[in-house]
Amino acid sequence: MRLMCLAVLSCTAIAAGPAANPAEPPKNGYVLTHGARHVLLVCDGNPSVHPRATEACAALTAAAGNPARMPVAQVLCTEEYSPVKVTATGVWGERLINYTAVYGNRCRMSAATGPLFAF
């Protein structure tokens, strides 16, 4: 028996013979981390536990699945320095995405990532 893993989203044990009902791994999804919180975002019809999944998936689709390409909203943020680290690890289409960023505060993170890390 072999173990096949797709990023950190799906691991499925595969026996030597054909499976009765093989689970289809997500083609567009991420494990998102914001501080000590983690959430699964799946954008291809599979269940997602992200509270704003529809909005986050639309924003990622517009950015070709790359969180670094999301447009920064023009908002006023305080100059308070309270660093926020976020990560997004997963797959978009056939590409493995591993995104890490540190923002000066939560407002700047929200301006740069929109609904993606809103959980």
N, C-alpha and C. Protein backbone atom coordinates (compact mmCIF):
# COMPACT_ATOMS: atom_id res chain seq x y z
N MET A 1 0.85 -1.18 0.00
CA MET A 1 0.00 0.00 0.00
C MET A 1 0.89 1.23 0.00
N ARG A 2 0.54 2.24 -0.82
CA ARG A 2 1.29 3.48 -0.89
C ARG A 2 0.47 4.60 -0.29
N LEU A 3 1.14 5.67 0.14
CA LEU A 3 0.47 6.87 0.64
C LEU A 3 0.78 8.02 -0.30
N MET A 4 -0.25 8.60 -0.91
CA MET A 4 -0.05 9.73 -1.81
C MET A 4 -0.60 10.98 -1.15
N CYS A 5 0.19 12.07 -1.15
CA CYS A 5 -0.24 13.33 -0.52
C CYS A 5 -0.17 14.45 -1.54
N LEU A 6 -1.15 15.31 -1.53
CA LEU A 6 -1.18 16.50 -2.36
C LEU A 6 -1.08 17.68 -1.43
N ALA A 7 0.09 18.32 -1.41
CA ALA A 7 0.39 19.44 -0.50
C ALA A 7 0.03 19.00 0.91
N VAL A 8 -0.64 19.83 1.66
CA VAL A 8 -1.07 19.45 3.00
C VAL A 8 -2.58 19.27 3.06
N LEU A 9 -3.23 19.27 1.90
CA LEU A 9 -4.68 19.24 1.87
C LEU A 9 -5.28 17.84 1.91
N SER A 10 -4.65 16.87 1.29
CA SER A 10 -5.30 15.58 1.17
C SER A 10 -4.27 14.46 1.14
N CYS A 11 -4.48 13.48 1.95
CA CYS A 11 -3.67 12.27 1.92
C CYS A 11 -4.62 11.09 1.79
N THR A 12 -4.35 10.21 0.85
CA THR A 12 -5.23 9.09 0.59
C THR A 12 -4.39 7.83 0.46
N ALA A 13 -4.78 6.79 1.17
CA ALA A 13 -4.11 5.50 1.02
C ALA A 13 -4.65 4.82 -0.22
N ILE A 14 -3.75 4.30 -1.05
CA ILE A 14 -4.16 3.66 -2.30
C ILE A 14 -3.66 2.23 -2.29
N ALA A 15 -4.57 1.29 -2.43
CA ALA A 15 -4.23 -0.12 -2.46
C ALA A 15 -3.83 -0.51 -3.88
N ALA A 16 -3.40 -1.76 -4.05
CA ALA A 16 -2.94 -2.21 -5.35
C ALA A 16 -4.06 -2.25 -6.39
N GLY A 17 -5.30 -2.52 -5.98
CA GLY A 17 -6.42 -2.63 -6.91
C GLY A 17 -7.18 -1.32 -7.03
N PRO A 18 -8.22 -1.29 -7.89
CA PRO A 18 -9.01 -0.08 -8.07
C PRO A 18 -9.85 0.22 -6.83
N ALA A 19 -10.02 1.48 -6.52
CA ALA A 19 -10.80 1.90 -5.36
C ALA A 19 -12.27 1.94 -5.73
N ALA A 20 -13.13 1.66 -4.76
CA ALA A 20 -14.57 1.65 -5.00
C ALA A 20 -15.08 3.08 -5.23
N ASN A 21 -14.68 4.02 -4.41
CA ASN A 21 -15.12 5.41 -4.51
C ASN A 21 -13.94 6.31 -4.18
N PRO A 22 -13.03 6.51 -5.11
CA PRO A 22 -11.84 7.30 -4.78
C PRO A 22 -12.22 8.76 -4.52
N ALA A 23 -11.62 9.33 -3.49
CA ALA A 23 -11.85 10.74 -3.16
C ALA A 23 -11.03 11.60 -4.10
N GLU A 24 -11.66 12.59 -4.68
CA GLU A 24 -10.98 13.51 -5.58
C GLU A 24 -10.32 14.61 -4.74
N PRO A 25 -9.00 14.73 -4.77
CA PRO A 25 -8.35 15.79 -4.00
C PRO A 25 -8.68 17.16 -4.59
N PRO A 26 -8.72 18.19 -3.75
CA PRO A 26 -9.02 19.53 -4.24
C PRO A 26 -7.99 19.99 -5.26
N LYS A 27 -8.44 20.73 -6.28
CA LYS A 27 -7.54 21.30 -7.27
C LYS A 27 -7.17 22.73 -6.91
N ASN A 28 -8.01 23.38 -6.12
CA ASN A 28 -7.78 24.76 -5.72
C ASN A 28 -8.11 24.89 -4.23
N GLY A 29 -7.09 24.87 -3.40
CA GLY A 29 -7.34 24.99 -1.98
C GLY A 29 -6.08 25.25 -1.18
N TYR A 30 -6.29 25.78 0.00
CA TYR A 30 -5.18 26.16 0.87
C TYR A 30 -5.47 25.82 2.32
N VAL A 31 -4.41 25.60 3.07
CA VAL A 31 -4.46 25.65 4.52
C VAL A 31 -3.92 27.03 4.86
N LEU A 32 -4.74 27.83 5.51
CA LEU A 32 -4.37 29.21 5.85
C LEU A 32 -4.06 29.30 7.34
N THR A 33 -3.02 30.04 7.66
CA THR A 33 -2.64 30.25 9.06
C THR A 33 -2.55 31.74 9.31
N HIS A 34 -3.16 32.15 10.41
CA HIS A 34 -3.13 33.54 10.84
C HIS A 34 -2.92 33.50 12.36
N GLY A 35 -1.69 33.81 12.79
CA GLY A 35 -1.38 33.67 14.21
C GLY A 35 -1.44 32.21 14.60
N ALA A 36 -2.21 31.90 15.62
CA ALA A 36 -2.34 30.51 16.09
C ALA A 36 -3.56 29.83 15.47
N ARG A 37 -4.28 30.51 14.59
CA ARG A 37 -5.49 29.94 13.97
C ARG A 37 -5.18 29.38 12.60
N HIS A 38 -5.87 28.29 12.28
CA HIS A 38 -5.72 27.61 10.99
C HIS A 38 -7.11 27.34 10.42
N VAL A 39 -7.23 27.41 9.11
CA VAL A 39 -8.50 27.10 8.47
C VAL A 39 -8.24 26.52 7.08
N LEU A 40 -9.16 25.69 6.63
CA LEU A 40 -9.08 25.10 5.30
C LEU A 40 -9.96 25.89 4.35
N LEU A 41 -9.40 26.30 3.23
CA LEU A 41 -10.15 26.99 2.18
C LEU A 41 -10.06 26.15 0.92
N VAL A 42 -11.19 25.68 0.43
CA VAL A 42 -11.24 24.89 -0.80
C VAL A 42 -12.15 25.63 -1.78
N CYS A 43 -11.65 25.83 -2.99
CA CYS A 43 -12.36 26.65 -3.97
C CYS A 43 -12.84 25.87 -5.19
N ASP A 44 -13.02 24.58 -5.09
CA ASP A 44 -13.48 23.83 -6.26
C ASP A 44 -14.73 23.01 -5.99
N GLY A 45 -15.58 23.50 -5.12
CA GLY A 45 -16.84 22.82 -4.86
C GLY A 45 -16.84 21.88 -3.68
N ASN A 46 -15.67 21.50 -3.20
CA ASN A 46 -15.59 20.65 -2.02
C ASN A 46 -15.91 21.48 -0.77
N PRO A 47 -16.25 20.84 0.34
CA PRO A 47 -16.53 21.58 1.56
C PRO A 47 -15.33 22.41 2.01
N SER A 48 -15.62 23.59 2.53
CA SER A 48 -14.59 24.49 3.03
C SER A 48 -15.04 24.99 4.40
N VAL A 49 -14.12 25.15 5.32
CA VAL A 49 -14.49 25.64 6.65
C VAL A 49 -14.17 27.13 6.82
N HIS A 50 -13.69 27.76 5.79
CA HIS A 50 -13.40 29.20 5.85
C HIS A 50 -14.73 29.95 5.95
N PRO A 51 -14.87 30.89 6.91
CA PRO A 51 -16.16 31.58 7.09
C PRO A 51 -16.56 32.48 5.92
N ARG A 52 -15.62 32.94 5.12
CA ARG A 52 -15.92 33.79 3.96
C ARG A 52 -15.36 33.15 2.70
N ALA A 53 -15.60 31.86 2.55
CA ALA A 53 -15.02 31.08 1.46
C ALA A 53 -15.35 31.62 0.08
N THR A 54 -16.59 31.99 -0.16
CA THR A 54 -16.98 32.48 -1.49
C THR A 54 -16.21 33.73 -1.86
N GLU A 55 -16.11 34.68 -0.93
CA GLU A 55 -15.37 35.93 -1.20
C GLU A 55 -13.88 35.67 -1.36
N ALA A 56 -13.31 34.81 -0.49
CA ALA A 56 -11.88 34.51 -0.55
C ALA A 56 -11.53 33.81 -1.86
N CYS A 57 -12.38 32.88 -2.29
CA CYS A 57 -12.12 32.17 -3.54
C CYS A 57 -12.22 33.11 -4.75
N ALA A 58 -13.17 34.04 -4.70
CA ALA A 58 -13.30 35.00 -5.80
C ALA A 58 -12.07 35.89 -5.87
N ALA A 59 -11.55 36.32 -4.72
CA ALA A 59 -10.35 37.16 -4.69
C ALA A 59 -9.15 36.38 -5.21
N LEU A 60 -9.02 35.12 -4.83
CA LEU A 60 -7.91 34.30 -5.31
C LEU A 60 -8.03 34.02 -6.81
N THR A 61 -9.23 33.80 -7.29
CA THR A 61 -9.43 33.57 -8.72
C THR A 61 -8.98 34.79 -9.51
N ALA A 62 -9.32 35.98 -9.03
CA ALA A 62 -8.91 37.22 -9.70
C ALA A 62 -7.39 37.39 -9.68
N ALA A 63 -6.73 36.81 -8.67
CA ALA A 63 -5.27 36.91 -8.54
C ALA A 63 -4.56 35.67 -9.07
N ALA A 64 -5.24 34.87 -9.88
CA ALA A 64 -4.68 33.64 -10.45
C ALA A 64 -4.15 32.70 -9.37
N GLY A 65 -4.82 32.69 -8.21
CA GLY A 65 -4.46 31.78 -7.13
C GLY A 65 -3.27 32.19 -6.30
N ASN A 66 -2.68 33.33 -6.59
CA ASN A 66 -1.48 33.77 -5.88
C ASN A 66 -1.82 34.90 -4.90
N PRO A 67 -1.76 34.65 -3.58
CA PRO A 67 -2.08 35.68 -2.60
C PRO A 67 -1.21 36.94 -2.75
N ALA A 68 0.00 36.80 -3.25
CA ALA A 68 0.88 37.95 -3.42
C ALA A 68 0.40 38.89 -4.52
N ARG A 69 -0.47 38.41 -5.39
CA ARG A 69 -0.98 39.23 -6.50
C ARG A 69 -2.32 39.89 -6.20
N MET A 70 -2.83 39.71 -4.99
CA MET A 70 -4.11 40.32 -4.64
C MET A 70 -3.93 41.84 -4.53
N PRO A 71 -4.88 42.63 -5.07
CA PRO A 71 -4.74 44.08 -5.00
C PRO A 71 -4.86 44.59 -3.57
N VAL A 72 -4.06 45.59 -3.24
CA VAL A 72 -4.09 46.19 -1.90
C VAL A 72 -5.18 47.25 -1.88
N ALA A 73 -6.08 47.13 -0.91
CA ALA A 73 -7.17 48.10 -0.77
C ALA A 73 -6.61 49.42 -0.22
N GLN A 74 -7.17 50.52 -0.69
CA GLN A 74 -6.76 51.84 -0.21
C GLN A 74 -7.55 52.18 1.04
N VAL A 75 -6.99 51.86 2.21
CA VAL A 75 -7.63 52.13 3.49
C VAL A 75 -6.64 52.86 4.39
N LEU A 76 -7.16 53.56 5.37
CA LEU A 76 -6.30 54.22 6.35
C LEU A 76 -6.06 53.28 7.52
N CYS A 77 -4.79 53.02 7.80
CA CYS A 77 -4.42 52.16 8.92
C CYS A 77 -3.58 52.98 9.89
N THR A 78 -3.65 52.63 11.15
CA THR A 78 -2.81 53.30 12.14
C THR A 78 -1.36 52.89 11.95
N GLU A 79 -0.48 53.60 12.57
CA GLU A 79 0.95 53.27 12.49
C GLU A 79 1.36 52.32 13.61
N GLU A 80 0.39 51.80 14.33
CA GLU A 80 0.67 50.84 15.40
C GLU A 80 1.46 49.66 14.83
N TYR A 81 2.53 49.26 15.53
CA TYR A 81 3.31 48.11 15.08
C TYR A 81 2.95 46.92 15.94
N SER A 82 2.19 46.03 15.37
CA SER A 82 1.78 44.79 16.02
C SER A 82 1.81 43.72 14.94
N PRO A 83 3.00 43.16 14.66
CA PRO A 83 3.18 42.28 13.50
C PRO A 83 2.22 41.10 13.45
N VAL A 84 1.77 40.81 12.24
CA VAL A 84 0.87 39.69 11.98
C VAL A 84 1.50 38.84 10.89
N LYS A 85 1.72 37.55 11.21
CA LYS A 85 2.30 36.63 10.22
C LYS A 85 1.18 35.73 9.69
N VAL A 86 1.14 35.58 8.37
CA VAL A 86 0.16 34.72 7.72
C VAL A 86 0.86 33.78 6.76
N THR A 87 0.27 32.61 6.57
CA THR A 87 0.78 31.66 5.58
C THR A 87 -0.40 31.06 4.82
N ALA A 88 -0.15 30.72 3.59
CA ALA A 88 -1.12 30.01 2.74
C ALA A 88 -0.33 28.93 2.01
N THR A 89 -0.67 27.68 2.29
CA THR A 89 0.02 26.57 1.66
C THR A 89 -1.02 25.68 1.00
N GLY A 90 -0.82 25.38 -0.27
CA GLY A 90 -1.76 24.52 -0.96
C GLY A 90 -1.50 24.46 -2.44
N VAL A 91 -2.58 24.22 -3.18
CA VAL A 91 -2.47 24.08 -4.63
C VAL A 91 -3.50 24.98 -5.31
N TRP A 92 -3.11 25.47 -6.48
CA TRP A 92 -4.03 26.21 -7.33
C TRP A 92 -3.79 25.71 -8.74
N GLY A 93 -4.76 25.04 -9.30
CA GLY A 93 -4.55 24.39 -10.60
C GLY A 93 -3.53 23.29 -10.43
N GLU A 94 -2.43 23.42 -11.09
CA GLU A 94 -1.37 22.42 -10.99
C GLU A 94 -0.16 22.95 -10.25
N ARG A 95 -0.27 24.16 -9.69
CA ARG A 95 0.87 24.78 -9.02
C ARG A 95 0.79 24.64 -7.51
N LEU A 96 1.91 24.36 -6.91
CA LEU A 96 2.02 24.36 -5.45
C LEU A 96 2.31 25.79 -5.03
N ILE A 97 1.53 26.31 -4.10
CA ILE A 97 1.70 27.67 -3.60
C ILE A 97 2.11 27.60 -2.14
N ASN A 98 3.15 28.33 -1.80
CA ASN A 98 3.61 28.44 -0.42
C ASN A 98 3.88 29.92 -0.17
N TYR A 99 2.92 30.59 0.45
CA TYR A 99 2.96 32.04 0.66
C TYR A 99 3.12 32.34 2.14
N THR A 100 4.08 33.20 2.47
CA THR A 100 4.28 33.67 3.84
C THR A 100 4.50 35.16 3.79
N ALA A 101 3.85 35.89 4.70
CA ALA A 101 4.03 37.34 4.76
C ALA A 101 3.87 37.80 6.20
N VAL A 102 4.55 38.89 6.52
CA VAL A 102 4.40 39.54 7.82
C VAL A 102 3.97 40.98 7.55
N TYR A 103 2.86 41.37 8.15
CA TYR A 103 2.32 42.72 8.00
C TYR A 103 2.50 43.48 9.30
N GLY A 104 2.60 44.79 9.22
CA GLY A 104 2.84 45.62 10.39
C GLY A 104 1.73 45.57 11.42
N ASN A 105 0.51 45.36 10.98
CA ASN A 105 -0.62 45.20 11.90
C ASN A 105 -1.78 44.54 11.15
N ARG A 106 -2.83 44.26 11.88
CA ARG A 106 -3.98 43.54 11.30
C ARG A 106 -4.64 44.35 10.18
N CYS A 107 -4.71 45.66 10.32
CA CYS A 107 -5.33 46.51 9.30
C CYS A 107 -4.57 46.39 7.98
N ARG A 108 -3.25 46.44 8.04
CA ARG A 108 -2.45 46.33 6.82
C ARG A 108 -2.59 44.93 6.19
N MET A 109 -2.69 43.91 7.04
CA MET A 109 -2.91 42.56 6.53
C MET A 109 -4.25 42.48 5.79
N SER A 110 -5.30 43.03 6.40
CA SER A 110 -6.62 43.00 5.78
C SER A 110 -6.64 43.78 4.47
N ALA A 111 -5.94 44.90 4.42
CA ALA A 111 -5.89 45.71 3.19
C ALA A 111 -5.19 44.93 2.07
N ALA A 112 -4.19 44.15 2.41
CA ALA A 112 -3.41 43.42 1.39
C ALA A 112 -4.04 42.11 0.97
N THR A 113 -4.82 41.49 1.86
CA THR A 113 -5.32 40.15 1.57
C THR A 113 -6.84 40.04 1.53
N GLY A 114 -7.54 41.13 1.79
CA GLY A 114 -9.01 41.11 1.73
C GLY A 114 -9.60 40.02 2.62
N PRO A 115 -10.51 39.22 2.09
CA PRO A 115 -11.18 38.20 2.90
C PRO A 115 -10.36 36.93 3.13
N LEU A 116 -9.20 36.82 2.52
CA LEU A 116 -8.43 35.58 2.59
C LEU A 116 -8.12 35.16 4.01
N PHE A 117 -7.65 36.06 4.84
CA PHE A 117 -7.30 35.72 6.23
C PHE A 117 -8.32 36.27 7.23
N ALA A 118 -9.55 36.46 6.78
CA ALA A 118 -10.61 36.98 7.65
C ALA A 118 -11.30 35.81 8.35
N PHE A 119 -10.63 35.25 9.32
CA PHE A 119 -11.20 34.16 10.13
C PHE A 119 -10.71 34.25 11.54
